[in-house]
Structures are given as structure tokens and as C-alpha cells.
Amino acid sequence: MIITYIPNADPTLARLKVVDEHITGLMSFTSVEATVTLNCGTEMVQEYSAASMADTANKFYIVLADLAFYFKPEMWGLTEFVDGVYRIILKGNQAAGGYIMLENCLFVDITYKCKVAVLLDEVITNKTSTTAHLLHYSLVNGSNCGCNCDAMCVNFDALCGILGNSQAVINNDCGCY
């Protein structure tokens, strides 16, 4: 499963796009459930029947022409996406009780790249600046690599601490299933 941030001039219309070879198979299930977290915080769950998966009024929906699910910021209780580690678990449920589960994490970087870039002049001489760049690098390159949400959340929290932002990890319970 690959997650991509799709920005928009109107930030309320930005989306997270999820593609996977199993997306079309999910449509044969009776329902699709999404469990999401932001920065390893509280899990939010939303389930839609397969019959209503294409309804763009939903918090997440499928576009069959793209073979992709799109997630609105409302899925995380937001009006627009913010910098952070977004975890998505998609679970296709069968009437007989079987299921398929897809999971991944993405670091959405809206403003942090610029906040970290300000520290470029000090990368060689200042250990904190070097650490900030390494943490940012780990978040960018750790995205879409499987089940590493916990480490990404810890690194994001550390980067927030360096940059003076309050984005503390609420809990560290976003491990693998």
C-alpha cells in the first residue's frame, strides 16, 4: 500500500491517496473499514459498505478509474491536513468473516521542510541542526516503508521538540497487526 499526499490550492480539498494492488479486491467485500491515527494518537475508525464506497461525501472513498482510495482531512477530525505522521489501516470485511488488511504510514510535510531548511547554515557546526536534518530525513525516507509508525512518531516528536512545536505523541500504540 502506498500513501501519497495530494495538495490543493484550497487546503480543505487536499487528499491522501492510497493505492495498492488489492484495491479492486476490496470492492468485492461487504464493507471496508479504515482505522487512522495522526502522530500515533487516538485511533479513529470509519466503515462504509461496499455499495457506498464511491460516495465522495464519505470521509474516505474509492475512485475506481484511479484504483485508489482518497482520504479527506475530516477522517482525522481536521479541516485541513497538518504536518505529521498519518497511519492508515484498510480492512476489507467479507460476509463469511474473512478479511484482508492493508497498512502503511506517511509523513505529510507541509511546512517542516522549510523550518528545517532554515537550519542549513548550521548543519556542520551545530549538533542540534544536524539532528533536525537527520530526523526530517528519517521521516521523509521512512514513509511508505511498511510498519515503522512507532519510530516515525518518536522521530516526529523529537523534531517538533527541536523546532519548538508542540506535537507530542499521545500514545505509542501504533504497532503492527
Protein backbone atom coordinates (compact mmCIF):
# COMPACT_ATOMS: atom_id res chain seq x y z
CA MET A 1 0.00 0.00 0.00
CA ILE A 2 1.38 3.40 -0.99
CA ILE A 3 0.06 6.65 0.52
CA THR A 4 0.58 9.97 -1.24
CA TYR A 5 -0.30 13.49 -0.11
CA ILE A 6 -2.19 15.34 -2.85
CA PRO A 7 -2.07 19.10 -2.07
CA ASN A 8 -4.63 21.59 -3.33
CA ALA A 9 -4.68 25.39 -3.51
CA ASP A 10 -7.66 25.10 -1.17
CA PRO A 11 -6.17 23.09 1.73
CA THR A 12 -9.60 21.73 2.67
CA LEU A 13 -9.63 19.90 -0.68
CA ALA A 14 -6.24 18.20 -0.21
CA ARG A 15 -6.38 14.40 0.00
CA LEU A 16 -4.32 11.39 0.97
CA LYS A 17 -4.35 8.92 -1.92
CA VAL A 18 -3.96 5.19 -1.21
CA VAL A 19 -3.07 2.75 -3.97
CA ASP A 20 -2.44 -0.97 -3.73
CA GLU A 21 -2.78 -3.98 -5.99
CA HIS A 22 -5.58 -5.26 -3.70
CA ILE A 23 -7.81 -2.16 -4.01
CA THR A 24 -10.12 -3.71 -6.61
CA GLY A 25 -10.43 -6.84 -4.46
CA LEU A 26 -11.71 -4.73 -1.57
CA MET A 27 -14.75 -3.83 -3.65
CA SER A 28 -15.88 -7.47 -3.53
CA PHE A 29 -16.07 -7.30 0.26
CA THR A 30 -19.25 -6.38 2.13
CA SER A 31 -17.60 -3.37 3.78
CA VAL A 32 -14.32 -1.51 4.07
CA GLU A 33 -13.16 -0.18 7.41
CA ALA A 34 -10.45 2.45 7.81
CA THR A 35 -8.57 2.93 11.06
CA VAL A 36 -6.39 6.03 11.15
CA THR A 37 -4.11 7.85 13.56
CA LEU A 38 -2.20 11.11 13.47
CA ASN A 39 1.16 11.08 15.27
CA CYS A 40 0.28 7.75 16.92
CA GLY A 41 -2.60 9.36 18.78
CA THR A 42 -6.15 8.16 19.23
CA GLU A 43 -7.41 5.72 16.62
CA MET A 44 -10.40 6.85 14.58
CA VAL A 45 -12.45 4.24 12.74
CA GLN A 46 -14.92 4.65 9.89
CA GLU A 47 -16.65 1.83 7.99
CA TYR A 48 -18.62 2.03 4.74
CA SER A 49 -20.49 -0.66 2.84
CA ALA A 50 -19.02 -1.65 -0.49
CA ALA A 51 -22.13 -0.22 -2.15
CA SER A 52 -21.39 3.27 -0.80
CA MET A 53 -17.58 3.29 -1.23
CA ALA A 54 -17.69 5.57 -4.29
CA ASP A 55 -19.67 8.29 -2.49
CA THR A 56 -17.36 11.32 -2.40
CA ALA A 57 -19.34 12.72 0.54
CA ASN A 58 -17.71 10.00 2.69
CA LYS A 59 -14.62 10.71 4.81
CA PHE A 60 -12.82 8.24 2.55
CA TYR A 61 -13.97 6.93 -0.81
CA ILE A 62 -12.82 4.95 -3.82
CA VAL A 63 -12.32 6.22 -7.36
CA LEU A 64 -12.40 3.10 -9.50
CA ALA A 65 -10.89 4.85 -12.52
CA ASP A 66 -7.78 5.55 -10.39
CA LEU A 67 -7.94 2.24 -8.49
CA ALA A 68 -7.35 4.35 -5.38
CA PHE A 69 -8.93 5.37 -2.11
CA TYR A 70 -8.94 9.06 -1.20
CA PHE A 71 -8.99 10.27 2.40
CA LYS A 72 -10.27 13.67 3.47
CA PRO A 73 -8.74 15.53 6.45
CA GLU A 74 -12.08 15.02 8.23
CA MET A 75 -11.10 11.38 8.72
CA TRP A 76 -8.63 12.68 11.34
CA GLY A 77 -11.04 15.29 12.73
CA LEU A 78 -9.26 18.08 10.81
CA THR A 79 -10.45 20.70 8.35
CA GLU A 80 -7.10 20.53 6.52
CA PHE A 81 -4.02 18.33 6.69
CA VAL A 82 -1.19 19.36 9.02
CA ASP A 83 2.42 18.22 9.27
CA GLY A 84 2.58 14.82 10.92
CA VAL A 85 2.70 11.05 10.68
CA TYR A 86 -0.52 9.64 9.20
CA ARG A 87 -1.22 5.95 9.67
CA ILE A 88 -3.90 4.20 7.62
CA ILE A 89 -5.15 0.64 8.03
CA LEU A 90 -7.71 -0.55 5.49
CA LYS A 91 -9.65 -3.70 6.31
CA GLY A 92 -11.96 -5.35 3.79
CA ASN A 93 -14.60 -7.44 5.58
CA GLN A 94 -16.30 -10.47 4.00
CA ALA A 95 -19.78 -11.66 4.91
CA ALA A 96 -18.33 -15.04 5.97
CA GLY A 97 -15.99 -13.33 8.44
CA GLY A 98 -12.79 -13.30 6.39
CA TYR A 99 -10.88 -10.10 5.76
CA ILE A 100 -7.85 -8.54 4.12
CA MET A 101 -5.85 -5.83 5.84
CA LEU A 102 -3.53 -3.22 4.32
CA GLU A 103 -1.43 -0.82 6.40
CA ASN A 104 1.15 1.93 5.99
CA CYS A 105 2.31 5.33 7.27
CA LEU A 106 3.17 8.61 5.60
CA PHE A 107 4.91 11.73 6.86
CA VAL A 108 2.96 14.69 5.46
CA ASP A 109 5.40 17.58 5.19
CA ILE A 110 3.64 20.84 4.54
CA THR A 111 5.84 23.31 6.43
CA TYR A 112 8.58 21.31 8.16
CA LYS A 113 10.88 21.13 5.14
CA CYS A 114 11.16 24.93 5.23
CA LYS A 115 11.55 25.03 9.01
CA VAL A 116 14.40 22.52 8.79
CA ALA A 117 15.95 24.24 5.75
CA VAL A 118 16.42 27.39 7.82
CA LEU A 119 18.97 25.38 9.83
CA LEU A 120 21.15 24.52 6.78
CA ASP A 121 23.80 27.13 7.61
CA GLU A 122 24.48 25.38 10.92
CA VAL A 123 24.44 21.71 9.86
CA ILE A 124 28.21 21.33 10.09
CA THR A 125 28.75 23.37 13.25
CA ASN A 126 25.64 22.76 15.33
CA LYS A 127 24.70 19.26 16.53
CA THR A 128 21.04 20.25 17.05
CA SER A 129 20.77 21.42 13.43
CA THR A 130 22.35 18.17 12.25
CA THR A 131 19.92 16.17 14.38
CA ALA A 132 16.95 18.12 12.97
CA HIS A 133 18.05 17.31 9.42
CA LEU A 134 18.57 13.62 10.25
CA LEU A 135 15.16 13.38 11.91
CA HIS A 136 13.49 15.07 8.93
CA TYR A 137 15.38 12.76 6.55
CA SER A 138 14.23 9.71 8.54
CA LEU A 139 10.59 10.85 8.31
CA VAL A 140 10.69 11.56 4.58
CA ASN A 141 12.50 8.33 3.77
CA GLY A 142 10.63 6.22 6.32
CA SER A 143 7.29 6.92 4.69
CA ASN A 144 5.61 4.03 2.87
CA CYS A 145 8.18 1.51 4.08
CA GLY A 146 5.85 -0.81 5.95
CA CYS A 147 5.28 -0.98 9.65
CA ASN A 148 7.53 1.66 11.18
CA CYS A 149 4.89 4.01 12.56
CA ASP A 150 6.20 3.92 16.12
CA ALA A 151 9.69 5.02 15.10
CA MET A 152 8.30 7.70 12.81
CA CYS A 153 6.12 9.10 15.61
CA VAL A 154 9.06 9.19 18.03
CA ASN A 155 11.21 10.95 15.42
CA PHE A 156 8.44 13.43 14.61
CA ASP A 157 8.02 14.21 18.30
CA ALA A 158 11.79 14.78 18.62
CA LEU A 159 11.79 17.04 15.55
CA CYS A 160 8.87 19.02 16.99
CA GLY A 161 10.89 19.46 20.18
CA ILE A 162 13.86 20.87 18.26
CA LEU A 163 11.70 23.19 16.18
CA GLY A 164 9.75 24.35 19.24
CA ASN A 165 6.39 22.94 18.13
CA SER A 166 4.03 21.12 20.45
CA GLN A 167 3.11 17.88 18.68
CA ALA A 168 3.68 15.37 21.48
CA VAL A 169 2.93 11.74 20.83
CA ILE A 170 -0.31 10.98 22.66
CA ASN A 171 0.49 7.30 22.95
CA ASN A 172 2.85 4.90 21.31
CA ASP A 173 0.32 2.27 20.34
CA CYS A 174 0.52 2.22 16.55
CA GLY A 175 2.46 -1.00 16.10
CA CYS A 176 1.94 -3.74 13.58
CA TYR A 177 -1.04 -6.00 13.46
